[in-house]
Protein backbone atom coordinates (compact mmCIF):
# COMPACT_ATOMS: atom_id res chain seq x y z
CA MET A 1 -75.19 -10.46 63.65
CA ARG A 2 -75.33 -14.06 62.46
CA TYR A 3 -72.61 -16.45 61.37
CA ARG A 4 -73.92 -19.62 59.80
CA ARG A 5 -70.90 -21.59 61.05
CA ASP A 6 -68.30 -21.15 63.76
CA ALA A 7 -65.30 -19.55 62.01
CA ARG A 8 -63.11 -20.34 65.02
CA LYS A 9 -63.48 -24.07 64.37
CA ASP A 10 -63.08 -23.97 60.58
CA ASN A 11 -60.21 -22.02 59.13
CA ARG A 12 -60.62 -23.24 55.55
CA LYS A 13 -61.07 -20.48 53.02
CA SER A 14 -64.51 -20.28 51.45
CA PRO A 15 -66.73 -17.85 49.53
CA LEU A 16 -68.55 -15.30 51.66
CA ILE A 17 -72.02 -13.95 50.93
CA VAL A 18 -73.44 -11.04 52.86
CA LEU A 19 -77.23 -11.20 52.86
CA ALA A 20 -79.04 -7.92 53.50
CA GLY A 21 -82.60 -6.69 53.52
CA LEU A 22 -84.52 -9.80 54.57
CA PRO A 23 -86.73 -9.62 57.67
CA HIS A 24 -86.68 -11.77 60.80
CA PRO A 25 -87.24 -14.76 61.02
CA GLY A 26 -87.13 -15.51 57.30
CA ALA A 27 -83.55 -14.28 56.92
CA ALA A 28 -82.18 -17.19 58.96
CA ALA A 29 -84.11 -19.78 56.95
CA VAL A 30 -82.97 -18.30 53.64
CA ALA A 31 -79.34 -18.13 54.83
CA ASN A 32 -79.46 -21.77 55.87
CA PHE A 33 -80.96 -22.74 52.50
CA MET A 34 -78.29 -20.84 50.58
CA GLU A 35 -75.46 -22.27 52.61
CA LYS A 36 -76.59 -25.83 51.89
CA GLY A 37 -77.75 -25.30 48.32
CA LEU A 38 -74.95 -23.31 46.70
CA SER A 39 -71.71 -24.87 45.50
CA PRO A 40 -69.07 -24.44 46.71
CA ASN A 41 -70.77 -24.06 50.07
CA PRO A 42 -70.39 -20.42 51.11
CA ARG A 43 -70.31 -18.75 54.48
CA ILE A 44 -73.41 -16.62 54.96
CA ILE A 45 -73.41 -13.51 57.12
CA PHE A 46 -76.70 -11.70 57.63
CA ALA A 47 -78.42 -9.16 59.85
CA PRO A 48 -82.21 -9.07 59.60
CA SER A 49 -83.92 -5.84 58.52
CA GLY A 50 -87.21 -4.72 60.01
CA ALA A 51 -90.71 -5.28 58.68
CA ASN A 52 -90.97 -1.65 57.48
CA ASP A 53 -90.38 -1.75 53.72
CA SER A 54 -89.37 1.88 53.55
CA GLU A 55 -86.36 1.53 55.89
CA LEU A 56 -84.30 -1.62 55.50
CA TYR A 57 -80.82 -0.38 56.30
CA LYS A 58 -80.72 1.37 59.62
CA THR A 59 -77.32 2.53 60.82
CA GLN A 60 -77.11 -0.26 63.39
CA THR A 61 -78.00 -2.92 60.83
CA VAL A 62 -75.27 -1.76 58.46
CA SER A 63 -72.76 -1.48 61.30
CA THR A 64 -73.52 -5.05 62.40
CA LEU A 65 -72.90 -6.37 58.90
CA LEU A 66 -69.67 -4.44 58.48
CA ARG A 67 -68.31 -5.65 61.80
CA ALA A 68 -69.24 -9.24 61.03
CA VAL A 69 -67.58 -9.17 57.59
CA SER A 70 -64.38 -7.52 58.82
CA GLU A 71 -64.02 -9.87 61.79
CA TYR A 72 -64.59 -12.94 59.64
CA SER A 73 -62.17 -11.70 56.99
CA VAL A 74 -59.30 -11.17 59.36
CA ARG A 75 -60.11 -14.51 61.11
CA HIS A 76 -58.49 -13.45 64.39
CA LEU A 77 -57.80 -9.88 65.48
CA ARG A 78 -54.05 -10.38 65.48
CA PRO A 79 -51.78 -8.22 63.34
CA GLN A 80 -49.60 -11.16 62.32
CA ILE A 81 -52.53 -12.71 60.46
CA GLU A 82 -52.24 -10.68 57.28
CA VAL A 83 -54.11 -12.69 54.65
CA PRO A 84 -57.92 -12.24 54.52
CA SER A 85 -59.76 -15.53 54.62
CA PRO A 86 -62.69 -15.34 52.13
CA THR A 87 -61.98 -16.38 48.55
CA GLN A 88 -64.57 -13.84 47.45
CA ILE A 89 -67.22 -11.56 48.96
CA LEU A 90 -70.64 -10.95 47.43
CA LEU A 91 -73.21 -8.55 48.86
CA ALA A 92 -76.72 -9.80 48.01
CA TYR A 93 -79.15 -7.04 49.00
CA VAL A 94 -82.77 -6.03 48.57
CA PRO A 95 -83.11 -2.65 46.87
CA ALA A 96 -84.61 0.05 49.09
CA ALA A 97 -84.93 3.82 49.41
CA ASP A 98 -82.13 3.83 52.00
CA GLU A 99 -79.84 1.34 50.22
CA GLU A 100 -77.10 3.94 49.79
CA ARG A 101 -76.44 3.76 53.53
CA LEU A 102 -75.52 0.11 53.05
CA LEU A 103 -73.66 0.44 49.73
CA ALA A 104 -71.56 3.41 50.85
CA GLN A 105 -70.16 1.38 53.77
CA PHE A 106 -69.34 -1.55 51.51
CA ASP A 107 -68.04 0.63 48.65
CA PHE A 108 -65.72 -1.20 46.25
CA PHE A 109 -64.72 -4.12 48.53
CA VAL A 110 -67.71 -6.37 47.71
CA PHE A 111 -69.31 -7.49 44.48
CA PRO A 112 -72.94 -6.28 44.69
CA VAL A 113 -75.87 -8.49 43.70
CA ARG A 114 -79.13 -6.57 43.48
CA LEU A 115 -82.14 -8.71 44.49
CA THR A 116 -84.68 -6.67 42.55
CA ARG A 117 -87.65 -9.07 42.66
CA LEU A 118 -87.60 -9.18 46.46
CA ALA A 119 -88.44 -5.45 46.55
CA GLU A 120 -91.48 -5.99 44.31
CA TYR A 121 -94.98 -6.50 45.76
CA ASP A 122 -97.23 -9.54 45.56
CA VAL A 123 -101.01 -9.48 45.01
CA ASN A 124 -101.55 -8.90 48.73
CA GLY A 125 -99.38 -5.77 48.78
CA ARG A 126 -96.41 -7.39 50.59
CA GLN A 127 -92.87 -7.29 49.33
CA HIS A 128 -91.55 -10.66 48.20
CA ARG A 129 -88.72 -10.29 50.70
CA HIS A 130 -91.22 -11.38 53.38
CA SER A 131 -91.64 -14.77 51.74
CA PRO A 132 -88.79 -17.23 52.49
CA LYS A 133 -90.08 -19.52 49.74
CA VAL A 134 -89.88 -16.80 47.07
CA ALA A 135 -86.51 -15.65 48.38
CA GLU A 136 -85.07 -19.17 48.33
CA GLY A 137 -86.21 -19.76 44.77
CA TYR A 138 -84.89 -16.42 43.56
CA ILE A 139 -81.60 -15.70 45.35
CA ALA A 140 -79.66 -18.83 44.37
CA PRO A 141 -80.10 -18.32 40.58
CA MET A 142 -79.26 -14.63 41.00
CA ILE A 143 -76.02 -15.55 42.81
CA GLU A 144 -75.11 -18.08 40.12
CA THR A 145 -75.72 -15.49 37.39
CA ALA A 146 -73.68 -12.87 39.26
CA LEU A 147 -70.83 -15.33 39.70
CA ARG A 148 -70.41 -15.62 35.94
CA ALA A 149 -69.76 -11.88 35.69
CA PHE A 150 -67.72 -11.90 38.89
CA SER A 151 -65.38 -14.66 37.74
CA GLU A 152 -63.92 -12.42 35.06
CA ILE A 153 -63.64 -9.49 37.47
CA LYS A 154 -61.86 -11.70 39.98
CA ARG A 155 -59.46 -12.99 37.33
CA ARG A 156 -58.53 -9.45 36.33
CA ILE A 157 -58.02 -8.26 39.90
CA SER A 158 -56.10 -11.37 40.95
CA ASN A 159 -53.73 -10.93 38.02
CA ALA A 160 -53.66 -7.13 37.99
CA THR A 161 -51.47 -5.66 35.26
CA TRP A 162 -50.10 -2.16 34.85
CA THR A 163 -53.17 -1.34 32.78
CA GLU A 164 -55.90 -2.79 35.03
CA PRO A 165 -58.21 0.15 35.90
CA LEU A 166 -60.28 -1.80 38.45
CA CYS A 167 -57.39 -1.69 40.93
CA LEU A 168 -56.73 2.07 40.80
CA PRO A 169 -57.14 4.09 44.02
CA PRO A 170 -60.72 5.46 43.87
CA ARG A 171 -60.24 8.96 45.28
CA ASN A 172 -56.77 9.81 43.99
CA PHE A 173 -57.04 8.86 40.32
CA LYS A 174 -58.67 11.91 38.76
CA VAL A 175 -60.44 11.32 35.48
CA SER A 176 -61.03 15.07 35.08
CA ASP A 177 -61.13 18.20 37.21
CA THR A 178 -64.54 17.14 38.56
CA GLU A 179 -64.55 13.34 38.30
CA ARG A 180 -62.56 10.63 40.05
CA ILE A 181 -62.51 6.95 39.20
CA ALA A 182 -64.58 6.44 42.33
CA ASP A 183 -67.49 8.00 40.43
CA ILE A 184 -67.08 5.40 37.65
CA PHE A 185 -66.87 2.58 40.18
CA ARG A 186 -70.16 3.76 41.74
CA GLU A 187 -71.81 3.73 38.32
CA MET A 188 -70.72 0.14 37.97
CA ARG A 189 -72.11 -0.98 41.31
CA GLN A 190 -75.31 0.93 40.56
CA SER A 191 -75.65 -1.06 37.31
CA LYS A 192 -75.34 2.13 35.25
CA ARG A 193 -72.28 0.59 33.58
CA PRO A 194 -71.98 -3.13 32.74
CA TRP A 195 -69.29 -5.04 34.57
CA GLY A 196 -66.31 -5.50 32.31
CA SER A 197 -67.26 -2.65 29.96
CA PRO A 198 -64.41 -0.56 28.54
CA LEU A 199 -63.50 2.60 30.42
CA PRO A 200 -62.52 5.01 27.62
CA GLU A 201 -62.14 7.89 30.10
CA ILE A 202 -59.10 6.19 31.65
CA ARG A 203 -56.04 7.01 29.61
CA SER A 204 -52.60 5.42 29.54
CA MET A 205 -49.27 6.41 28.05
CA ARG A 206 -46.07 4.55 27.17
CA VAL A 207 -43.22 5.46 29.47
CA SER A 208 -39.57 4.49 29.58
CA HIS A 209 -36.98 3.75 32.27
CA GLU A 210 -35.87 7.39 32.09
CA LEU A 211 -39.29 8.56 33.32
CA LEU A 212 -39.80 5.74 35.86
CA PRO A 213 -36.31 4.62 36.86
CA ALA A 214 -37.45 2.94 40.10
CA ASN A 215 -40.24 0.96 38.36
CA LEU A 216 -38.72 0.00 34.99
CA ARG A 217 -35.41 -1.62 34.27
CA GLU A 218 -32.97 0.16 31.99
CA GLY A 219 -33.99 0.06 28.36
CA ALA A 220 -37.55 -1.04 29.17
CA SER A 221 -40.81 0.77 28.41
CA ARG A 222 -44.49 -0.03 28.94
CA GLU A 223 -48.00 1.40 29.16
CA VAL A 224 -49.01 2.97 32.48
CA PHE A 225 -52.12 4.82 33.58
CA ALA A 226 -51.99 8.62 33.73
CA ASP A 227 -54.71 10.72 35.33
CA SER A 228 -55.93 14.16 34.27
CA ARG A 229 -52.97 15.77 36.10
CA ASP A 230 -50.49 13.60 34.18
CA LEU A 231 -49.69 11.71 37.36
CA LEU A 232 -48.48 8.20 36.57
CA PHE A 233 -49.82 5.17 38.43
CA PRO A 234 -47.41 2.22 38.11
CA PRO A 235 -48.27 -0.63 40.50
CA ASP A 236 -45.62 -1.68 43.01
CA ASN A 237 -45.29 -5.43 43.44
CA SER A 238 -42.76 -5.32 46.29
CA HIS A 239 -45.52 -5.94 48.88
CA HIS A 240 -44.13 -3.51 51.44
CA GLY A 241 -45.99 -1.16 53.73
CA VAL A 242 -48.82 -3.53 54.67
CA VAL A 243 -51.64 -1.65 56.41
CA ARG A 244 -53.97 -4.56 57.16
CA GLU A 245 -54.49 -4.56 60.87
CA LEU A 246 -57.56 -4.43 63.06
CA THR A 247 -57.77 -4.05 66.81
CA ALA A 248 -60.63 -5.29 68.98
CA GLY A 249 -63.34 -2.69 69.37
CA CYS A 250 -62.12 -0.46 66.52
CA ALA A 251 -64.54 1.96 64.84
CA ASP A 252 -66.51 1.15 61.70
CA ALA A 253 -64.42 3.63 59.70
CA GLU A 254 -61.31 1.63 60.51
CA ARG A 255 -63.01 -1.60 59.55
CA LYS A 256 -64.09 -0.14 56.21
CA LEU A 257 -60.53 0.99 55.46
CA PHE A 258 -59.21 -2.46 56.35
CA MET A 259 -61.65 -4.17 53.97
CA GLN A 260 -60.94 -1.68 51.20
CA SER A 261 -57.21 -2.41 51.53
CA ALA A 262 -57.74 -6.17 51.27
CA PHE A 263 -60.51 -6.61 48.66
CA ARG A 264 -61.67 -4.92 45.45
CA PHE A 265 -65.12 -5.77 44.08
CA GLY A 266 -65.19 -8.97 46.11
CA ALA A 267 -61.79 -10.31 45.02
CA PRO A 268 -58.79 -10.52 47.39
CA LEU A 269 -55.97 -8.13 46.61
CA ARG A 270 -52.30 -9.08 46.80
CA ASP A 271 -50.88 -8.34 50.19
CA GLY A 272 -49.38 -4.83 50.28
CA TYR A 273 -50.66 -3.94 46.80
CA HIS A 274 -50.38 -0.22 46.00
CA HIS A 275 -49.37 2.26 43.29
CA ASP A 276 -46.18 4.38 43.24
CA VAL A 277 -47.84 7.61 42.12
CA GLN A 278 -45.47 10.13 40.56
CA TYR A 279 -44.75 12.50 37.72
CA GLY A 280 -42.38 11.23 35.06
CA GLY A 281 -38.91 12.62 35.70
CA ARG A 282 -39.75 15.14 38.47
CA ASP A 283 -41.01 15.34 42.03
CA LEU A 284 -44.59 15.99 43.13
CA ARG A 285 -44.02 19.73 43.82
CA GLY A 286 -46.96 20.42 46.12
CA THR A 287 -49.45 18.09 44.39
CA MET A 288 -52.58 17.50 46.43
CA PHE A 289 -53.55 13.98 47.49
CA GLU A 290 -56.64 12.80 49.36
CA CYS A 291 -55.52 10.45 52.13
CA SER A 292 -58.23 8.31 53.73
CA ARG A 293 -56.67 8.93 57.16
CA ARG A 294 -55.13 12.41 57.01
CA GLY A 295 -57.47 14.14 54.56
CA VAL A 296 -56.25 16.38 51.74
CA ILE A 297 -52.47 16.81 51.90
CA PRO A 298 -49.88 18.49 49.67
CA LEU A 299 -46.81 16.43 48.80
CA SER A 300 -43.47 17.48 47.30
CA CYS A 301 -41.58 14.19 47.63
CA THR A 302 -40.46 12.00 44.73
CA TYR A 303 -43.50 9.72 44.77
CA ALA A 304 -46.33 8.52 46.99
CA ASN A 305 -47.44 5.01 47.85
CA VAL A 306 -51.22 5.09 47.36
CA TYR A 307 -53.10 2.01 48.58
CA PRO A 308 -56.47 0.64 47.39
CA ASN A 309 -58.22 2.30 50.33
CA ASP A 310 -56.59 5.66 49.38
CA PHE A 311 -54.19 5.65 52.28
CA VAL A 312 -51.27 7.83 51.11
CA ARG A 313 -47.72 7.19 52.28
CA PRO A 314 -45.16 9.79 51.09
CA SER A 315 -41.77 8.57 49.92
CA LYS A 316 -38.80 9.54 52.07
């Protein structure tokens, strides 16, 4: 694990770039070049991959990166520090046969930047990722290009409205009987869907105070997302039920849930952000939810708080 600066001595917020797939010792040189050459100066976290081009993302390598990102984001492992420190998180990675091991651990809390050219081979049969000079000349323009797309994504997430699909809980918003919005999100990070493209599969409906009395004032109505089960997903802006805590030595699964609760596609989420998932005008009546901690659970309460990491908290 490498931090390019000592986070304990500098608590200013800054962009964070996770650099993955470069070999030792070139990874350190490229990270140093990026840190000095990009504006605003980012923090760079990296863990070198091996020389074997067919296996870049071993379990230990991915775990090292996840632990470094989560520890930096929380600044200090103290529950009272609730606000994550990076202004944005980008994952710049070299494509590889085992890349899904990396991407699955960073699912939906980073903005991915695919460094395609570094996986291509030069005239001597070596991947360009082995050349710090090629990497330095290629990565910075790729980051700058990605930031143009990311800026709009960040704006949408930072100002999330009732009809912002990018903030919906990935596992619990069902697009159909067989598809969840998590499947659409994966298509986006796999570049099968352009960032910012319309999502016609996601439907909304206009609801009134009578259907959502706890979320709409009397006489008001507005559009709200409804999944294939007709469950409504109004966002709750009361910022209660914060679940952003990490303890020293916690497992990677806990770190992933923490990051998913605090960031979406590289942009910080509002503290405590969640959706009050419910049917209009009736209780949940045994509806099944997929909680990231408790697994599949049936609920019959009035509504459920569902967080960006799919943690489900039943109403009382």
